[in-house]
Amino acid sequence: MTSKLDRLKAFTTVVADTGDIDAIARLKPVDATTNPSLLLKAAALPRYAQLLDDAVAGCDGDLGLACDRFGVAVGGEILKVIPGRISTEVDARLSFNTQATLQRAERLIGLYEQAGIGRERVLIKIAATWEGIRAAEQLEKAGIQTNLTLLFAFAQAAACADAGVFLISPFVGRIYDWYKKAEGRDFAGAEDPGVQSVARIYDYYKANGYDTVVMGASFRNLGQIEQLAGCDRLTISPELLQQLADDHGPLERKLAPGQIGEARLNLGENQFRWALNDDAMATEKLAEGIRLFARDQEKLEAVLASKA
């Protein structure tokens, strides 16, 4: 009998949101994504102990470089068991510095290429700030494709598409969390604000002929995934992937091209910043997400410092 995971794979590219190679090998996604939080978890696994030692060797105390080397090493291991791409994230503390983001992205690609891995198998993850989007625009023109993350506002999605970024990762679960707390009630099915956000972006992109890929992320339950079946890609935790694999119930496609979407926004910097400021949920969750990734980056640096 066909599982929900197999049904989902028929019209959506499934991506594993983890650094756990065993889970990736078992569940067989096309792509995989990592971030500082996932790398911190990976650093605690015995199988990565040697990679940690290798990452700090010869870094002369440059913990940023050691983190990048560890991220690339984990990414390289993951690429051995998936056919597609790995997303590797730029240090979140650079989220408001276009030039520094460019330099770190170029270093990550250089490290992958030194390991014999071509840039066509890597997406550079960058926070969808105005500065991050501008960096992504330049990287795309240079042949380095990007994944714009921590995306909560429609304005972020519109600006990313205009910049020609390869892929965006709107965070379904974190949007859901904010509205659940703010309104004091739960949401399910198509009324879920996180689901509605991704569906709106998907329809906008398809109606306006954008090539940017929509990859829903940060899921809290199977219902959110099922409501977004048909989205270009969905990045899903191993726990939820396993639940989908174990469930043999029906799964219908919910998103498909051809729906009516909104007209192009073509936002300038002032318009972008105002639209983001005017969205309390997006403003709070973007800031919180950057802070959390930055703290986990610092914890990973501390782990690597102890190895040095």
C-alpha atoms as a PDB file:
ATOM      1  CA  MET A   1       0.000   0.000   0.000  1.00  0.00           C
ATOM      2  CA  THR A   2       1.256   3.487  -0.883  1.00  0.00           C
ATOM      3  CA  SER A   3       2.310   5.672   2.042  1.00  0.00           C
ATOM      4  CA  LYS A   4       1.556   9.371   2.369  1.00  0.00           C
ATOM      5  CA  LEU A   5       5.265  10.030   1.932  1.00  0.00           C
ATOM      6  CA  ASP A   6       5.290   8.265  -1.423  1.00  0.00           C
ATOM      7  CA  ARG A   7       2.127  10.082  -2.487  1.00  0.00           C
ATOM      8  CA  LEU A   8       3.669  13.407  -1.493  1.00  0.00           C
ATOM      9  CA  LYS A   9       6.817  12.653  -3.485  1.00  0.00           C
ATOM     10  CA  ALA A  10       4.673  12.263  -6.606  1.00  0.00           C
ATOM     11  CA  PHE A  11       4.080  16.027  -6.825  1.00  0.00           C
ATOM     12  CA  THR A  12       6.444  17.677  -4.310  1.00  0.00           C
ATOM     13  CA  THR A  13      10.216  17.404  -3.930  1.00  0.00           C
ATOM     14  CA  VAL A  14      10.819  16.193  -0.371  1.00  0.00           C
ATOM     15  CA  VAL A  15      13.790  17.595   1.535  1.00  0.00           C
ATOM     16  CA  ALA A  16      15.133  16.353   4.880  1.00  0.00           C
ATOM     17  CA  ASP A  17      15.507  19.042   7.536  1.00  0.00           C
ATOM     18  CA  THR A  18      18.298  17.388   9.510  1.00  0.00           C
ATOM     19  CA  GLY A  19      21.980  16.601   9.775  1.00  0.00           C
ATOM     20  CA  ASP A  20      21.263  12.989  10.802  1.00  0.00           C
ATOM     21  CA  ILE A  21      22.730  10.907   7.983  1.00  0.00           C
ATOM     22  CA  ASP A  22      21.120   7.674   9.204  1.00  0.00           C
ATOM     23  CA  ALA A  23      17.659   9.259   9.059  1.00  0.00           C
ATOM     24  CA  ILE A  24      18.369  10.710   5.617  1.00  0.00           C
ATOM     25  CA  ALA A  25      19.548   7.347   4.263  1.00  0.00           C
ATOM     26  CA  ARG A  26      16.453   5.632   5.669  1.00  0.00           C
ATOM     27  CA  LEU A  27      13.868   8.137   4.402  1.00  0.00           C
ATOM     28  CA  LYS A  28      15.493   8.884   1.024  1.00  0.00           C
ATOM     29  CA  PRO A  29      14.743  12.600   0.422  1.00  0.00           C
ATOM     30  CA  VAL A  30      16.026  14.311  -2.714  1.00  0.00           C
ATOM     31  CA  ASP A  31      17.695  17.238  -0.913  1.00  0.00           C
ATOM     32  CA  ALA A  32      18.665  18.108   2.650  1.00  0.00           C
ATOM     33  CA  THR A  33      19.021  21.317   4.650  1.00  0.00           C
ATOM     34  CA  THR A  34      21.137  22.223   7.669  1.00  0.00           C
ATOM     35  CA  ASN A  35      21.373  25.274   9.906  1.00  0.00           C
ATOM     36  CA  PRO A  36      23.419  26.212  13.002  1.00  0.00           C
ATOM     37  CA  SER A  37      20.911  24.490  15.302  1.00  0.00           C
ATOM     38  CA  LEU A  38      21.058  21.237  13.336  1.00  0.00           C
ATOM     39  CA  LEU A  39      24.855  21.394  13.102  1.00  0.00           C
ATOM     40  CA  LEU A  40      25.024  21.864  16.876  1.00  0.00           C
ATOM     41  CA  LYS A  41      22.956  18.684  17.307  1.00  0.00           C
ATOM     42  CA  ALA A  42      25.171  16.886  14.777  1.00  0.00           C
ATOM     43  CA  ALA A  43      28.267  17.938  16.726  1.00  0.00           C
ATOM     44  CA  ALA A  44      27.010  15.911  19.687  1.00  0.00           C
ATOM     45  CA  LEU A  45      26.812  12.680  17.644  1.00  0.00           C
ATOM     46  CA  PRO A  46      29.780  10.280  17.969  1.00  0.00           C
ATOM     47  CA  ARG A  47      29.939   9.730  14.203  1.00  0.00           C
ATOM     48  CA  TYR A  48      30.908  13.391  13.710  1.00  0.00           C
ATOM     49  CA  ALA A  49      33.702  13.485  16.314  1.00  0.00           C
ATOM     50  CA  GLN A  50      36.449  13.145  13.710  1.00  0.00           C
ATOM     51  CA  LEU A  51      34.876  15.858  11.552  1.00  0.00           C
ATOM     52  CA  LEU A  52      35.006  18.231  14.531  1.00  0.00           C
ATOM     53  CA  ASP A  53      38.694  17.488  15.047  1.00  0.00           C
ATOM     54  CA  ASP A  54      39.408  17.965  11.346  1.00  0.00           C
ATOM     55  CA  ALA A  55      37.466  21.251  11.280  1.00  0.00           C
ATOM     56  CA  VAL A  56      39.658  22.930  13.897  1.00  0.00           C
ATOM     57  CA  ALA A  57      42.970  21.565  12.578  1.00  0.00           C
ATOM     58  CA  GLY A  58      45.026  24.361  11.075  1.00  0.00           C
ATOM     59  CA  CYS A  59      42.449  27.096  11.726  1.00  0.00           C
ATOM     60  CA  ASP A  60      44.742  29.025  14.090  1.00  0.00           C
ATOM     61  CA  GLY A  61      41.876  29.906  16.397  1.00  0.00           C
ATOM     62  CA  ASP A  62      39.564  31.161  13.621  1.00  0.00           C
ATOM     63  CA  LEU A  63      36.349  29.637  14.956  1.00  0.00           C
ATOM     64  CA  GLY A  64      34.257  31.081  12.121  1.00  0.00           C
ATOM     65  CA  LEU A  65      36.388  29.182   9.634  1.00  0.00           C
ATOM     66  CA  ALA A  66      36.204  26.044  11.797  1.00  0.00           C
ATOM     67  CA  CYS A  67      32.390  26.287  11.834  1.00  0.00           C
ATOM     68  CA  ASP A  68      32.312  26.659   8.068  1.00  0.00           C
ATOM     69  CA  ARG A  69      34.629  23.685   7.650  1.00  0.00           C
ATOM     70  CA  PHE A  70      32.463  21.567   9.946  1.00  0.00           C
ATOM     71  CA  GLY A  71      29.280  22.612   8.124  1.00  0.00           C
ATOM     72  CA  VAL A  72      30.826  21.727   4.779  1.00  0.00           C
ATOM     73  CA  ALA A  73      32.120  18.405   6.136  1.00  0.00           C
ATOM     74  CA  VAL A  74      28.641  17.473   7.397  1.00  0.00           C
ATOM     75  CA  GLY A  75      27.165  18.638   4.106  1.00  0.00           C
ATOM     76  CA  GLY A  76      29.629  16.491   2.203  1.00  0.00           C
ATOM     77  CA  GLU A  77      28.660  13.405   4.217  1.00  0.00           C
ATOM     78  CA  ILE A  78      24.967  14.071   3.567  1.00  0.00           C
ATOM     79  CA  LEU A  79      25.585  14.473  -0.165  1.00  0.00           C
ATOM     80  CA  LYS A  80      26.902  10.911  -0.241  1.00  0.00           C
ATOM     81  CA  VAL A  81      23.406   9.598   0.509  1.00  0.00           C
ATOM     82  CA  ILE A  82      21.134  12.012  -1.398  1.00  0.00           C
ATOM     83  CA  PRO A  83      20.919  12.629  -5.153  1.00  0.00           C
ATOM     84  CA  GLY A  84      20.240  16.354  -4.902  1.00  0.00           C
ATOM     85  CA  ARG A  85      21.530  19.358  -2.967  1.00  0.00           C
ATOM     86  CA  ILE A  86      22.571  20.376   0.503  1.00  0.00           C
ATOM     87  CA  SER A  87      21.731  23.802   1.956  1.00  0.00           C
ATOM     88  CA  THR A  88      24.470  25.273   4.154  1.00  0.00           C
ATOM     89  CA  GLU A  89      23.870  28.454   6.133  1.00  0.00           C
ATOM     90  CA  VAL A  90      25.891  31.643   6.431  1.00  0.00           C
ATOM     91  CA  ASP A  91      26.565  32.822  10.004  1.00  0.00           C
ATOM     92  CA  ALA A  92      23.349  34.527  11.155  1.00  0.00           C
ATOM     93  CA  ARG A  93      25.372  37.295  12.814  1.00  0.00           C
ATOM     94  CA  LEU A  94      26.108  38.589   9.304  1.00  0.00           C
ATOM     95  CA  SER A  95      22.414  38.971   8.448  1.00  0.00           C
ATOM     96  CA  PHE A  96      22.630  42.772   8.178  1.00  0.00           C
ATOM     97  CA  ASN A  97      25.943  42.944   6.318  1.00  0.00           C
ATOM     98  CA  THR A  98      25.737  42.366   2.575  1.00  0.00           C
ATOM     99  CA  GLN A  99      29.479  42.332   1.910  1.00  0.00           C
ATOM    100  CA  ALA A 100      30.315  40.011   4.804  1.00  0.00           C
ATOM    101  CA  THR A 101      27.535  37.652   3.716  1.00  0.00           C
ATOM    102  CA  LEU A 102      28.978  37.574   0.201  1.00  0.00           C
ATOM    103  CA  GLN A 103      32.441  36.787   1.506  1.00  0.00           C
ATOM    104  CA  ARG A 104      31.217  33.998   3.795  1.00  0.00           C
ATOM    105  CA  ALA A 105      29.089  32.477   1.020  1.00  0.00           C
ATOM    106  CA  GLU A 106      32.053  32.493  -1.340  1.00  0.00           C
ATOM    107  CA  ARG A 107      34.194  30.831   1.341  1.00  0.00           C
ATOM    108  CA  LEU A 108      31.619  28.081   1.850  1.00  0.00           C
ATOM    109  CA  ILE A 109      31.474  27.379  -1.875  1.00  0.00           C
ATOM    110  CA  GLY A 110      35.283  27.388  -1.991  1.00  0.00           C
ATOM    111  CA  LEU A 111      35.435  24.831   0.825  1.00  0.00           C
ATOM    112  CA  TYR A 112      32.957  22.594  -0.974  1.00  0.00           C
ATOM    113  CA  GLU A 113      34.938  22.852  -4.188  1.00  0.00           C
ATOM    114  CA  GLN A 114      38.169  22.012  -2.323  1.00  0.00           C
ATOM    115  CA  ALA A 115      36.361  18.867  -1.142  1.00  0.00           C
ATOM    116  CA  GLY A 116      35.548  17.980  -4.744  1.00  0.00           C
ATOM    117  CA  ILE A 117      31.888  19.025  -4.517  1.00  0.00           C
ATOM    118  CA  GLY A 118      30.601  21.316  -7.259  1.00  0.00           C
ATOM    119  CA  ARG A 119      28.513  24.398  -6.533  1.00  0.00           C
ATOM    120  CA  GLU A 120      25.640  22.851  -8.485  1.00  0.00           C
ATOM    121  CA  ARG A 121      25.052  20.568  -5.473  1.00  0.00           C
ATOM    122  CA  VAL A 122      24.999  23.364  -2.884  1.00  0.00           C
ATOM    123  CA  LEU A 123      22.541  26.082  -1.878  1.00  0.00           C
ATOM    124  CA  ILE A 124      23.815  28.884   0.362  1.00  0.00           C
ATOM    125  CA  LYS A 125      21.277  29.704   3.083  1.00  0.00           C
ATOM    126  CA  ILE A 126      20.918  33.375   3.983  1.00  0.00           C
ATOM    127  CA  ALA A 127      18.419  35.167   6.234  1.00  0.00           C
ATOM    128  CA  ALA A 128      15.840  37.071   4.160  1.00  0.00           C
ATOM    129  CA  THR A 129      16.758  40.531   5.438  1.00  0.00           C
ATOM    130  CA  TRP A 130      17.098  43.364   2.918  1.00  0.00           C
ATOM    131  CA  GLU A 131      20.882  43.018   3.167  1.00  0.00           C
ATOM    132  CA  GLY A 132      20.698  39.235   2.794  1.00  0.00           C
ATOM    133  CA  ILE A 133      18.493  39.498  -0.278  1.00  0.00           C
ATOM    134  CA  ARG A 134      20.932  41.937  -1.874  1.00  0.00           C
ATOM    135  CA  ALA A 135      23.799  39.521  -1.210  1.00  0.00           C
ATOM    136  CA  ALA A 136      21.777  36.672  -2.699  1.00  0.00           C
ATOM    137  CA  GLU A 137      21.066  38.748  -5.803  1.00  0.00           C
ATOM    138  CA  GLN A 138      24.808  39.171  -6.408  1.00  0.00           C
ATOM    139  CA  LEU A 139      25.576  35.529  -5.647  1.00  0.00           C
ATOM    140  CA  GLU A 140      22.949  34.325  -8.118  1.00  0.00           C
ATOM    141  CA  LYS A 141      24.520  36.473 -10.836  1.00  0.00           C
ATOM    142  CA  ALA A 142      27.889  34.897  -9.994  1.00  0.00           C
ATOM    143  CA  GLY A 143      26.515  31.376 -10.382  1.00  0.00           C
ATOM    144  CA  ILE A 144      26.108  30.601  -6.676  1.00  0.00           C
ATOM    145  CA  GLN A 145      22.511  29.634  -5.952  1.00  0.00           C
ATOM    146  CA  THR A 146      20.812  30.542  -2.704  1.00  0.00           C
ATOM    147  CA  ASN A 147      18.148  29.498  -0.221  1.00  0.00           C
ATOM    148  CA  LEU A 148      16.608  32.502   1.562  1.00  0.00           C
ATOM    149  CA  THR A 149      15.539  31.418   5.026  1.00  0.00           C
ATOM    150  CA  LEU A 150      13.756  32.895   8.072  1.00  0.00           C
ATOM    151  CA  LEU A 151      11.035  34.071   5.722  1.00  0.00           C
ATOM    152  CA  PHE A 152       7.784  35.112   7.393  1.00  0.00           C
ATOM    153  CA  ALA A 153       6.426  38.117   5.475  1.00  0.00           C
ATOM    154  CA  PHE A 154       4.911  38.302   2.016  1.00  0.00           C
ATOM    155  CA  ALA A 155       7.172  41.308   1.388  1.00  0.00           C
ATOM    156  CA  GLN A 156      10.227  39.111   1.961  1.00  0.00           C
ATOM    157  CA  ALA A 157       8.951  36.603  -0.579  1.00  0.00           C
ATOM    158  CA  ALA A 158       8.205  39.294  -3.155  1.00  0.00           C
ATOM    159  CA  ALA A 159      11.656  40.883  -2.766  1.00  0.00           C
ATOM    160  CA  CYS A 160      13.374  37.502  -3.040  1.00  0.00           C
ATOM    161  CA  ALA A 161      11.616  36.721  -6.300  1.00  0.00           C
ATOM    162  CA  ASP A 162      12.507  40.122  -7.757  1.00  0.00           C
ATOM    163  CA  ALA A 163      16.139  39.489  -6.790  1.00  0.00           C
ATOM    164  CA  GLY A 164      16.123  36.212  -8.710  1.00  0.00           C
ATOM    165  CA  VAL A 165      16.984  33.957  -5.777  1.00  0.00           C
ATOM    166  CA  PHE A 166      16.807  30.248  -6.489  1.00  0.00           C
ATOM    167  CA  LEU A 167      14.713  29.178  -3.487  1.00  0.00           C
ATOM    168  CA  ILE A 168      12.892  30.535  -0.434  1.00  0.00           C
ATOM    169  CA  SER A 169      12.030  28.746   2.824  1.00  0.00           C
ATOM    170  CA  PRO A 170       8.870  30.230   4.411  1.00  0.00           C
ATOM    171  CA  PHE A 171       8.565  29.003   8.014  1.00  0.00           C
ATOM    172  CA  VAL A 172       5.092  27.503   8.397  1.00  0.00           C
ATOM    173  CA  GLY A 173       5.376  26.311  11.980  1.00  0.00           C
ATOM    174  CA  ARG A 174       6.821  29.488  13.438  1.00  0.00           C
ATOM    175  CA  ILE A 175       4.059  31.559  11.850  1.00  0.00           C
ATOM    176  CA  TYR A 176       1.533  29.127  13.308  1.00  0.00           C
ATOM    177  CA  ASP A 177       3.197  29.408  16.746  1.00  0.00           C
ATOM    178  CA  TRP A 178       2.960  33.206  16.756  1.00  0.00           C
ATOM    179  CA  TYR A 179      -0.722  33.356  15.826  1.00  0.00           C
ATOM    180  CA  LYS A 180      -1.634  30.534  18.198  1.00  0.00           C
ATOM    181  CA  LYS A 181      -0.092  32.484  21.072  1.00  0.00           C
ATOM    182  CA  ALA A 182      -1.334  35.904  19.927  1.00  0.00           C
ATOM    183  CA  GLU A 183      -4.943  34.816  19.428  1.00  0.00           C
ATOM    184  CA  GLY A 184      -5.126  32.207  22.167  1.00  0.00           C
ATOM    185  CA  ARG A 185      -6.513  29.481  19.918  1.00  0.00           C
ATOM    186  CA  ASP A 186      -5.375  26.629  17.739  1.00  0.00           C
ATOM    187  CA  PHE A 187      -5.554  26.428  13.954  1.00  0.00           C
ATOM    188  CA  ALA A 188      -6.031  23.442  11.695  1.00  0.00           C
ATOM    189  CA  GLY A 189      -6.265  22.685   8.001  1.00  0.00           C
ATOM    190  CA  ALA A 190      -6.548  25.515   5.506  1.00  0.00           C
ATOM    191  CA  GLU A 191      -7.207  28.110   8.266  1.00  0.00           C
ATOM    192  CA  ASP A 192      -3.643  27.707   9.606  1.00  0.00           C
ATOM    193  CA  PRO A 193      -1.896  31.103   9.114  1.00  0.00           C
ATOM    194  CA  GLY A 194       1.403  29.382   8.250  1.00  0.00           C
ATOM    195  CA  VAL A 195      -0.291  27.295   5.570  1.00  0.00           C
ATOM    196  CA  GLN A 196      -2.098  30.360   4.221  1.00  0.00           C
ATOM    197  CA  SER A 197       1.181  32.285   3.998  1.00  0.00           C
ATOM    198  CA  VAL A 198       2.905  29.643   1.857  1.00  0.00           C
ATOM    199  CA  ALA A 199      -0.156  29.104  -0.340  1.00  0.00           C
ATOM    200  CA  ARG A 200      -0.350  32.858  -0.997  1.00  0.00           C
ATOM    201  CA  ILE A 201       3.340  33.020  -1.942  1.00  0.00           C
ATOM    202  CA  TYR A 202       3.041  29.953  -4.172  1.00  0.00           C
ATOM    203  CA  ASP A 203       0.067  31.409  -6.073  1.00  0.00           C
ATOM    204  CA  TYR A 204       1.819  34.796  -6.389  1.00  0.00           C
ATOM    205  CA  TYR A 205       4.955  33.244  -7.856  1.00  0.00           C
ATOM    206  CA  LYS A 206       3.114  31.032 -10.317  1.00  0.00           C
ATOM    207  CA  ALA A 207       0.711  33.775 -11.449  1.00  0.00           C
ATOM    208  CA  ASN A 208       3.592  36.164 -12.128  1.00  0.00           C
ATOM    209  CA  GLY A 209       5.934  33.697 -13.787  1.00  0.00           C
ATOM    210  CA  TYR A 210       8.668  33.732 -11.153  1.00  0.00           C
ATOM    211  CA  ASP A 211      11.154  30.860 -11.278  1.00  0.00           C
ATOM    212  CA  THR A 212      12.005  31.063  -7.563  1.00  0.00           C
ATOM    213  CA  VAL A 213      11.259  27.756  -5.831  1.00  0.00           C
ATOM    214  CA  VAL A 214       8.900  27.760  -2.820  1.00  0.00           C
ATOM    215  CA  MET A 215       9.979  25.333  -0.101  1.00  0.00           C
ATOM    216  CA  GLY A 216       7.728  25.245   2.947  1.00  0.00           C
ATOM    217  CA  ALA A 217       9.686  24.659   6.176  1.00  0.00           C
ATOM    218  CA  SER A 218       9.362  24.377   9.954  1.00  0.00           C
ATOM    219  CA  PHE A 219       6.342  22.097  10.290  1.00  0.00           C
ATOM    220  CA  ARG A 220       4.571  21.316  13.536  1.00  0.00           C
ATOM    221  CA  ASN A 221       2.233  18.536  12.383  1.00  0.00           C
ATOM    222  CA  LEU A 222       1.219  16.379   9.430  1.00  0.00           C
ATOM    223  CA  GLY A 223      -1.856  18.502   8.755  1.00  0.00           C
ATOM    224  CA  GLN A 224       0.313  21.460   7.724  1.00  0.00           C
ATOM    225  CA  ILE A 225       2.285  19.269   5.326  1.00  0.00           C
ATOM    226  CA  GLU A 226      -0.852  17.760   3.824  1.00  0.00           C
ATOM    227  CA  GLN A 227      -2.360  21.203   3.229  1.00  0.00           C
ATOM    228  CA  LEU A 228       0.745  22.197   1.239  1.00  0.00           C
ATOM    229  CA  ALA A 229       0.989  19.036  -0.858  1.00  0.00           C
ATOM    230  CA  GLY A 230       1.932  20.201  -4.346  1.00  0.00           C
ATOM    231  CA  CYS A 231       4.232  22.986  -3.158  1.00  0.00           C
ATOM    232  CA  ASP A 232       7.500  22.975  -5.139  1.00  0.00           C
ATOM    233  CA  ARG A 233       9.422  21.542  -2.189  1.00  0.00           C
ATOM    234  CA  LEU A 234       8.841  20.842   1.487  1.00  0.00           C
ATOM    235  CA  THR A 235      11.661  20.443   4.012  1.00  0.00           C
ATOM    236  CA  ILE A 236      10.523  18.106   6.778  1.00  0.00           C
ATOM    237  CA  SER A 237      12.037  16.775  10.004  1.00  0.00           C
ATOM    238  CA  PRO A 238      12.871  13.041  10.221  1.00  0.00           C
ATOM    239  CA  GLU A 239      10.126  12.549  12.824  1.00  0.00           C
ATOM    240  CA  LEU A 240       7.411  13.894  10.536  1.00  0.00           C
ATOM    241  CA  LEU A 241       8.906  12.145   7.509  1.00  0.00           C
ATOM    242  CA  GLN A 242       8.631   8.870   9.409  1.00  0.00           C
ATOM    243  CA  GLN A 243       5.014   9.599  10.322  1.00  0.00           C
ATOM    244  CA  LEU A 244       4.264  10.187   6.649  1.00  0.00           C
ATOM    245  CA  ALA A 245       6.023   6.947   5.741  1.00  0.00           C
ATOM    246  CA  ASP A 246       3.970   5.024   8.327  1.00  0.00           C
ATOM    247  CA  ASP A 247       0.613   6.540   7.283  1.00  0.00           C
ATOM    248  CA  HIS A 248      -1.096   4.851   4.331  1.00  0.00           C
ATOM    249  CA  GLY A 249      -4.155   7.097   4.196  1.00  0.00           C
ATOM    250  CA  PRO A 250      -5.150   9.284   1.226  1.00  0.00           C
ATOM    251  CA  LEU A 251      -3.239  12.449   0.337  1.00  0.00           C
ATOM    252  CA  GLU A 252      -4.566  14.970  -2.172  1.00  0.00           C
ATOM    253  CA  ARG A 253      -2.673  17.669  -4.038  1.00  0.00           C
ATOM    254  CA  LYS A 254      -3.634  21.080  -2.619  1.00  0.00           C
ATOM    255  CA  LEU A 255      -1.348  23.510  -4.499  1.00  0.00           C
ATOM    256  CA  ALA A 256      -0.966  23.652  -8.265  1.00  0.00           C
ATOM    257  CA  PRO A 257      -0.136  26.320 -10.875  1.00  0.00           C
ATOM    258  CA  GLY A 258      -2.997  28.146 -12.538  1.00  0.00           C
ATOM    259  CA  GLN A 259      -4.588  29.820  -9.539  1.00  0.00           C
ATOM    260  CA  ILE A 260      -5.247  33.565  -9.502  1.00  0.00           C
ATOM    261  CA  GLY A 261      -2.422  35.459  -7.829  1.00  0.00           C
ATOM    262  CA  GLU A 262      -1.739  39.056  -6.850  1.00  0.00           C
ATOM    263  CA  ALA A 263      -0.052  41.585  -9.141  1.00  0.00           C
ATOM    264  CA  ARG A 264       3.714  42.101  -8.840  1.00  0.00           C
ATOM    265  CA  LEU A 265       4.775  44.374  -5.991  1.00  0.00           C
ATOM    266  CA  ASN A 266       8.278  45.439  -7.153  1.00  0.00           C
ATOM    267  CA  LEU A 267       9.278  46.667  -3.694  1.00  0.00           C
ATOM    268  CA  GLY A 268      12.091  49.176  -3.164  1.00  0.00           C
ATOM    269  CA  GLU A 269      14.066  49.241   0.072  1.00  0.00           C
ATOM    270  CA  ASN A 270      11.821  51.753   1.853  1.00  0.00           C
ATOM    271  CA  GLN A 271       8.675  49.868   0.834  1.00  0.00           C
ATOM    272  CA  PHE A 272      10.198  46.564   1.912  1.00  0.00           C
ATOM    273  CA  ARG A 273      11.239  47.865   5.308  1.00  0.00           C
ATOM    274  CA  TRP A 274       7.862  49.455   5.941  1.00  0.00           C
ATOM    275  CA  ALA A 275       5.931  46.329   4.905  1.00  0.00           C
ATOM    276  CA  LEU A 276       8.102  44.195   7.192  1.00  0.00           C
ATOM    277  CA  ASN A 277       7.759  46.684  10.054  1.00  0.00           C
ATOM    278  CA  ASP A 278       3.990  46.718   9.557  1.00  0.00           C
ATOM    279  CA  ASP A 279       3.816  42.931  10.034  1.00  0.00           C
ATOM    280  CA  ALA A 280       4.271  42.338  13.776  1.00  0.00           C
ATOM    281  CA  MET A 281       4.503  38.567  13.407  1.00  0.00           C
ATOM    282  CA  ALA A 282       7.184  38.722  10.713  1.00  0.00           C
ATOM    283  CA  THR A 283       9.198  41.401  12.500  1.00  0.00           C
ATOM    284  CA  GLU A 284       9.251  39.450  15.757  1.00  0.00           C
ATOM    285  CA  LYS A 285       9.887  36.016  14.246  1.00  0.00           C
ATOM    286  CA  LEU A 286      12.658  37.241  11.930  1.00  0.00           C
ATOM    287  CA  ALA A 287      14.487  38.927  14.810  1.00  0.00           C
ATOM    288  CA  GLU A 288      13.954  35.928  17.078  1.00  0.00           C
ATOM    289  CA  GLY A 289      15.124  33.495  14.403  1.00  0.00           C
ATOM    290  CA  ILE A 290      18.325  35.416  13.753  1.00  0.00           C
ATOM    291  CA  ARG A 291      19.023  35.605  17.496  1.00  0.00           C
ATOM    292  CA  LEU A 292      18.446  31.864  18.000  1.00  0.00           C
ATOM    293  CA  PHE A 293      20.649  30.864  15.065  1.00  0.00           C
ATOM    294  CA  ALA A 294      23.338  33.286  16.277  1.00  0.00           C
ATOM    295  CA  ARG A 295      23.271  31.759  19.778  1.00  0.00           C
ATOM    296  CA  ASP A 296      23.576  28.236  18.347  1.00  0.00           C
ATOM    297  CA  GLN A 297      26.436  29.417  16.132  1.00  0.00           C
ATOM    298  CA  GLU A 298      28.194  30.642  19.275  1.00  0.00           C
ATOM    299  CA  LYS A 299      27.556  27.315  21.032  1.00  0.00           C
ATOM    300  CA  LEU A 300      28.997  25.461  18.039  1.00  0.00           C
ATOM    301  CA  GLU A 301      32.045  27.718  18.158  1.00  0.00           C
ATOM    302  CA  ALA A 302      32.435  26.832  21.841  1.00  0.00           C
ATOM    303  CA  VAL A 303      32.354  23.113  20.996  1.00  0.00           C
ATOM    304  CA  LEU A 304      35.018  23.634  18.342  1.00  0.00           C
ATOM    305  CA  ALA A 305      37.094  25.795  20.694  1.00  0.00           C
ATOM    306  CA  SER A 306      37.138  22.940  23.193  1.00  0.00           C
ATOM    307  CA  LYS A 307      38.525  20.687  20.445  1.00  0.00           C
ATOM    308  CA  ALA A 308      41.233  23.194  19.596  1.00  0.00           C
END
